[in-house]
C-alpha atoms as a PDB file:
ATOM      1  CA  MET A   1      12.231 -10.981  10.556  1.00  0.00           C
ATOM      2  CA  LYS A   2       9.421 -10.918  13.129  1.00  0.00           C
ATOM      3  CA  ILE A   3       9.615  -9.126  16.468  1.00  0.00           C
ATOM      4  CA  LEU A   4       7.096  -9.530  19.276  1.00  0.00           C
ATOM      5  CA  VAL A   5       6.816  -6.382  21.419  1.00  0.00           C
ATOM      6  CA  VAL A   6       5.077  -6.269  24.807  1.00  0.00           C
ATOM      7  CA  SER A   7       5.095  -3.778  27.668  1.00  0.00           C
ATOM      8  CA  ASP A   8       3.642  -2.832  31.018  1.00  0.00           C
ATOM      9  CA  ASN A   9       2.299  -6.133  32.345  1.00  0.00           C
ATOM     10  CA  HIS A  10       2.899  -4.921  35.944  1.00  0.00           C
ATOM     11  CA  ARG A  11       3.541  -8.275  37.677  1.00  0.00           C
ATOM     12  CA  GLU A  12       0.992 -10.165  35.620  1.00  0.00           C
ATOM     13  CA  GLU A  13       3.113 -13.186  34.801  1.00  0.00           C
ATOM     14  CA  LYS A  14       0.493 -15.500  33.271  1.00  0.00           C
ATOM     15  CA  ILE A  15      -0.245 -13.309  30.249  1.00  0.00           C
ATOM     16  CA  LEU A  16       3.441 -13.257  29.273  1.00  0.00           C
ATOM     17  CA  THR A  17       3.627 -17.038  29.608  1.00  0.00           C
ATOM     18  CA  LYS A  18       0.513 -17.377  27.430  1.00  0.00           C
ATOM     19  CA  ILE A  19       1.984 -15.077  24.763  1.00  0.00           C
ATOM     20  CA  ILE A  20       5.243 -17.050  24.708  1.00  0.00           C
ATOM     21  CA  GLN A  21       3.403 -20.373  24.479  1.00  0.00           C
ATOM     22  CA  GLN A  22       1.160 -19.267  21.625  1.00  0.00           C
ATOM     23  CA  VAL A  23       3.361 -16.890  19.644  1.00  0.00           C
ATOM     24  CA  GLY A  24       6.942 -17.257  20.884  1.00  0.00           C
ATOM     25  CA  ASP A  25       8.054 -19.844  18.343  1.00  0.00           C
ATOM     26  CA  LYS A  26       6.601 -17.800  15.457  1.00  0.00           C
ATOM     27  CA  VAL A  27       8.889 -14.795  15.997  1.00  0.00           C
ATOM     28  CA  ASP A  28      12.634 -14.199  15.853  1.00  0.00           C
ATOM     29  CA  LEU A  29      12.887 -11.799  18.782  1.00  0.00           C
ATOM     30  CA  LEU A  30      10.860 -11.144  21.945  1.00  0.00           C
ATOM     31  CA  VAL A  31      11.112  -7.602  23.319  1.00  0.00           C
ATOM     32  CA  HIS A  32       9.723  -6.260  26.603  1.00  0.00           C
ATOM     33  CA  CYS A  33       9.598  -2.471  26.961  1.00  0.00           C
ATOM     34  CA  GLY A  34       9.594  -2.384  30.761  1.00  0.00           C
ATOM     35  CA  ASP A  35       7.399  -2.347  33.838  1.00  0.00           C
ATOM     36  CA  SER A  36       7.269  -6.104  34.080  1.00  0.00           C
ATOM     37  CA  GLU A  37       8.015  -5.950  37.820  1.00  0.00           C
ATOM     38  CA  LEU A  38       9.315  -9.522  37.434  1.00  0.00           C
ATOM     39  CA  LEU A  39      12.792 -10.945  37.940  1.00  0.00           C
ATOM     40  CA  PRO A  40      14.823 -10.992  34.722  1.00  0.00           C
ATOM     41  CA  ASP A  41      16.427 -14.405  35.220  1.00  0.00           C
ATOM     42  CA  ARG A  42      13.190 -16.367  35.755  1.00  0.00           C
ATOM     43  CA  GLU A  43      10.409 -17.530  33.453  1.00  0.00           C
ATOM     44  CA  PRO A  44       8.830 -15.847  31.589  1.00  0.00           C
ATOM     45  CA  MET A  45      11.110 -12.782  31.571  1.00  0.00           C
ATOM     46  CA  ASN A  46      14.265 -14.745  30.774  1.00  0.00           C
ATOM     47  CA  ARG A  47      12.848 -15.250  27.266  1.00  0.00           C
ATOM     48  CA  PHE A  48      12.651 -11.494  26.558  1.00  0.00           C
ATOM     49  CA  LYS A  49      15.193  -8.835  25.723  1.00  0.00           C
ATOM     50  CA  ALA A  50      13.894  -6.407  28.343  1.00  0.00           C
ATOM     51  CA  VAL A  51      14.510  -2.938  29.746  1.00  0.00           C
ATOM     52  CA  LYS A  52      13.811  -1.276  33.078  1.00  0.00           C
ATOM     53  CA  GLY A  53      10.606   0.682  33.456  1.00  0.00           C
ATOM     54  CA  ASN A  54       9.838   3.296  36.086  1.00  0.00           C
ATOM     55  CA  ASN A  55       8.244   0.562  38.267  1.00  0.00           C
ATOM     56  CA  ASP A  56      11.210  -1.818  37.876  1.00  0.00           C
ATOM     57  CA  TYR A  57      13.490   0.376  40.000  1.00  0.00           C
ATOM     58  CA  ARG A  58      15.009  -2.437  42.089  1.00  0.00           C
ATOM     59  CA  LEU A  59      15.363  -4.917  39.237  1.00  0.00           C
ATOM     60  CA  PRO A  60      18.651  -5.288  37.311  1.00  0.00           C
ATOM     61  CA  TYR A  61      17.424  -4.451  33.809  1.00  0.00           C
ATOM     62  CA  PRO A  62      19.257  -1.967  31.582  1.00  0.00           C
ATOM     63  CA  THR A  63      17.483   1.339  30.956  1.00  0.00           C
ATOM     64  CA  GLU A  64      17.849   0.813  27.218  1.00  0.00           C
ATOM     65  CA  LEU A  65      18.977  -1.798  24.726  1.00  0.00           C
ATOM     66  CA  MET A  66      20.328  -1.632  21.208  1.00  0.00           C
ATOM     67  CA  ILE A  67      19.705  -4.967  19.501  1.00  0.00           C
ATOM     68  CA  ASN A  68      21.280  -5.731  16.139  1.00  0.00           C
ATOM     69  CA  GLN A  69      19.150  -8.483  14.630  1.00  0.00           C
ATOM     70  CA  GLY A  70      19.711  -9.332  10.996  1.00  0.00           C
ATOM     71  CA  THR A  71      19.587  -6.063   9.081  1.00  0.00           C
ATOM     72  CA  GLU A  72      17.600  -4.259  11.795  1.00  0.00           C
ATOM     73  CA  ASN A  73      18.866  -2.071  14.602  1.00  0.00           C
ATOM     74  CA  VAL A  74      16.231  -2.153  17.337  1.00  0.00           C
ATOM     75  CA  PHE A  75      16.331   0.479  20.074  1.00  0.00           C
ATOM     76  CA  VAL A  76      14.319  -0.537  23.157  1.00  0.00           C
ATOM     77  CA  THR A  77      13.500   1.721  26.094  1.00  0.00           C
ATOM     78  CA  HIS A  78      10.612   2.199  28.472  1.00  0.00           C
ATOM     79  CA  GLY A  79      10.197   5.831  27.485  1.00  0.00           C
ATOM     80  CA  HIS A  80       9.843   7.571  30.825  1.00  0.00           C
ATOM     81  CA  LEU A  81      13.418   8.896  30.644  1.00  0.00           C
ATOM     82  CA  GLN A  82      12.634  10.336  27.194  1.00  0.00           C
ATOM     83  CA  GLN A  83       9.402  11.852  28.574  1.00  0.00           C
ATOM     84  CA  VAL A  84       7.179  10.170  25.974  1.00  0.00           C
ATOM     85  CA  ASN A  85       4.050  11.412  27.762  1.00  0.00           C
ATOM     86  CA  PHE A  86       4.820  14.869  26.387  1.00  0.00           C
ATOM     87  CA  SER A  87       6.565  14.355  23.049  1.00  0.00           C
ATOM     88  CA  LEU A  88       8.203  11.641  20.965  1.00  0.00           C
ATOM     89  CA  THR A  89      10.937  14.031  19.805  1.00  0.00           C
ATOM     90  CA  PRO A  90      13.539  13.065  22.467  1.00  0.00           C
ATOM     91  CA  LEU A  91      12.848   9.379  21.792  1.00  0.00           C
ATOM     92  CA  MET A  92      13.236   9.841  18.050  1.00  0.00           C
ATOM     93  CA  LEU A  93      16.425  11.884  18.431  1.00  0.00           C
ATOM     94  CA  THR A  94      17.939   9.163  20.626  1.00  0.00           C
ATOM     95  CA  GLY A  95      16.910   6.486  18.134  1.00  0.00           C
ATOM     96  CA  GLU A  96      18.332   8.485  15.252  1.00  0.00           C
ATOM     97  CA  GLU A  97      21.597   9.036  17.137  1.00  0.00           C
ATOM     98  CA  LYS A  98      21.896   5.287  17.751  1.00  0.00           C
ATOM     99  CA  GLY A  99      21.153   4.391  14.127  1.00  0.00           C
ATOM    100  CA  ALA A 100      17.889   2.626  14.941  1.00  0.00           C
ATOM    101  CA  SER A 101      15.633   1.313  12.216  1.00  0.00           C
ATOM    102  CA  ILE A 102      13.028   0.314  14.835  1.00  0.00           C
ATOM    103  CA  ILE A 103      12.220   1.982  18.165  1.00  0.00           C
ATOM    104  CA  CYS A 104      10.155   0.097  20.756  1.00  0.00           C
ATOM    105  CA  TYR A 105       8.884   1.824  23.886  1.00  0.00           C
ATOM    106  CA  GLY A 106       6.109   1.627  26.473  1.00  0.00           C
ATOM    107  CA  HIS A 107       5.220   3.686  29.574  1.00  0.00           C
ATOM    108  CA  THR A 108       2.104   5.456  28.257  1.00  0.00           C
ATOM    109  CA  HIS A 109      -0.025   2.278  28.203  1.00  0.00           C
ATOM    110  CA  GLN A 110      -1.366   3.574  24.858  1.00  0.00           C
ATOM    111  CA  LEU A 111      -0.614   1.674  21.688  1.00  0.00           C
ATOM    112  CA  GLY A 112       0.780   3.559  18.747  1.00  0.00           C
ATOM    113  CA  VAL A 113       2.826   3.146  15.602  1.00  0.00           C
ATOM    114  CA  ALA A 114       4.445   5.579  13.187  1.00  0.00           C
ATOM    115  CA  TYR A 115       7.138   5.644  10.545  1.00  0.00           C
ATOM    116  CA  ASP A 116       9.229   8.806  10.635  1.00  0.00           C
ATOM    117  CA  HIS A 117      12.803   9.693   9.645  1.00  0.00           C
ATOM    118  CA  LYS A 118      13.294   6.150   8.331  1.00  0.00           C
ATOM    119  CA  MET A 119      12.479   4.676  11.762  1.00  0.00           C
ATOM    120  CA  LEU A 120       9.520   2.530  12.760  1.00  0.00           C
ATOM    121  CA  ILE A 121       8.295   3.664  16.185  1.00  0.00           C
ATOM    122  CA  VAL A 122       6.094   1.205  18.096  1.00  0.00           C
ATOM    123  CA  ASN A 123       4.373   1.303  21.460  1.00  0.00           C
ATOM    124  CA  PRO A 124       2.570  -2.033  21.934  1.00  0.00           C
ATOM    125  CA  GLY A 125       0.290  -0.546  24.588  1.00  0.00           C
ATOM    126  CA  SER A 126      -0.046  -2.182  27.977  1.00  0.00           C
ATOM    127  CA  ILE A 127      -0.907  -5.875  27.960  1.00  0.00           C
ATOM    128  CA  SER A 128      -2.482  -5.487  31.428  1.00  0.00           C
ATOM    129  CA  PHE A 129      -3.636  -1.902  32.009  1.00  0.00           C
ATOM    130  CA  PRO A 130      -4.414  -0.247  28.667  1.00  0.00           C
ATOM    131  CA  ARG A 131      -5.277   3.439  28.406  1.00  0.00           C
ATOM    132  CA  GLY A 132      -6.451   5.759  25.704  1.00  0.00           C
ATOM    133  CA  GLU A 133      -8.476   5.307  22.562  1.00  0.00           C
ATOM    134  CA  TYR A 134      -8.009   1.522  22.361  1.00  0.00           C
ATOM    135  CA  ALA A 135      -8.312   0.689  26.063  1.00  0.00           C
ATOM    136  CA  GLN A 136     -11.587  -1.173  25.425  1.00  0.00           C
ATOM    137  CA  ILE A 137      -9.571  -3.886  23.626  1.00  0.00           C
ATOM    138  CA  GLY A 138      -8.374  -4.891  27.083  1.00  0.00           C
ATOM    139  CA  GLY A 139      -4.616  -5.071  26.590  1.00  0.00           C
ATOM    140  CA  THR A 140      -2.419  -5.407  23.513  1.00  0.00           C
ATOM    141  CA  PHE A 141       0.950  -6.469  22.210  1.00  0.00           C
ATOM    142  CA  ALA A 142       2.483  -5.985  18.759  1.00  0.00           C
ATOM    143  CA  ILE A 143       4.233  -8.083  16.165  1.00  0.00           C
ATOM    144  CA  ILE A 144       6.477  -6.304  13.692  1.00  0.00           C
ATOM    145  CA  LYS A 145       7.324  -7.960  10.406  1.00  0.00           C
ATOM    146  CA  ALA A 146      10.451  -6.236   9.093  1.00  0.00           C
ATOM    147  CA  GLN A 147      11.067  -6.730   5.390  1.00  0.00           C
ATOM    148  CA  PRO A 148      13.643  -5.047   3.146  1.00  0.00           C
ATOM    149  CA  THR A 149      11.069  -2.754   1.539  1.00  0.00           C
ATOM    150  CA  GLN A 150       8.311  -2.641   4.144  1.00  0.00           C
ATOM    151  CA  PHE A 151       7.311  -2.800   7.806  1.00  0.00           C
ATOM    152  CA  ILE A 152       4.067  -4.568   8.697  1.00  0.00           C
ATOM    153  CA  VAL A 153       2.726  -4.082  12.220  1.00  0.00           C
ATOM    154  CA  ASP A 154      -0.162  -5.967  13.766  1.00  0.00           C
ATOM    155  CA  PHE A 155      -1.585  -5.532  17.252  1.00  0.00           C
ATOM    156  CA  TYR A 156      -3.043  -8.484  19.152  1.00  0.00           C
ATOM    157  CA  ASP A 157      -5.419  -8.696  22.093  1.00  0.00           C
ATOM    158  CA  ARG A 158      -5.084 -10.825  25.223  1.00  0.00           C
ATOM    159  CA  GLN A 159      -6.795 -13.735  23.448  1.00  0.00           C
ATOM    160  CA  MET A 160      -3.945 -13.731  20.886  1.00  0.00           C
ATOM    161  CA  LYS A 161      -6.296 -12.501  18.168  1.00  0.00           C
ATOM    162  CA  PRO A 162      -5.184  -9.796  15.716  1.00  0.00           C
ATOM    163  CA  VAL A 163      -7.079  -6.511  15.838  1.00  0.00           C
ATOM    164  CA  PRO A 164      -7.730  -5.933  12.092  1.00  0.00           C
ATOM    165  CA  GLN A 165      -8.455  -2.200  12.324  1.00  0.00           C
ATOM    166  CA  LEU A 166      -4.974  -1.642  13.801  1.00  0.00           C
ATOM    167  CA  HIS A 167      -3.056  -3.355  10.966  1.00  0.00           C
ATOM    168  CA  ARG A 168      -0.464  -0.961   9.514  1.00  0.00           C
ATOM    169  CA  GLU A 169       1.986  -1.156   6.603  1.00  0.00           C
ATOM    170  CA  PHE A 170       4.803   1.293   5.935  1.00  0.00           C
ATOM    171  CA  ASP A 171       7.019   1.420   2.842  1.00  0.00           C
ATOM    172  CA  ARG A 172      10.671   1.908   3.688  1.00  0.00           C
END
């Protein structure tokens, strides 16, 4: 199974449309981790399973989602309510409590990936306003390939090109 994960586009609609056009039919699930600032029932957001970010306060998104897709249990949240700027522990405890095999979150605008307590934890970074060590890439999204014995995670730039140095594989 392949999952596309994007976050924090902050009203930039065209980049989401471009991602869907170029990658959307190559994945099984499209996830948005919040701060789209776009209406959920219109293109392009109606294609995503999406949650409410701290800048989506007037939009009718849920604050979190639990998606059962195939053999995976995907927990999606923006992360601000779990205070991910300070620690991933509350996020991981929530994911563990919900039986998640994959946790997707945003908010920090900094990409990251880890495998801990039998959970894959992915922040795709911000597609529009990246921060941190990889900000010079100019915006990223992630594609997770979930296999029975392994997770493979690749990050892509705004030109839909993989960033080879960010390729990660985790044995389950």
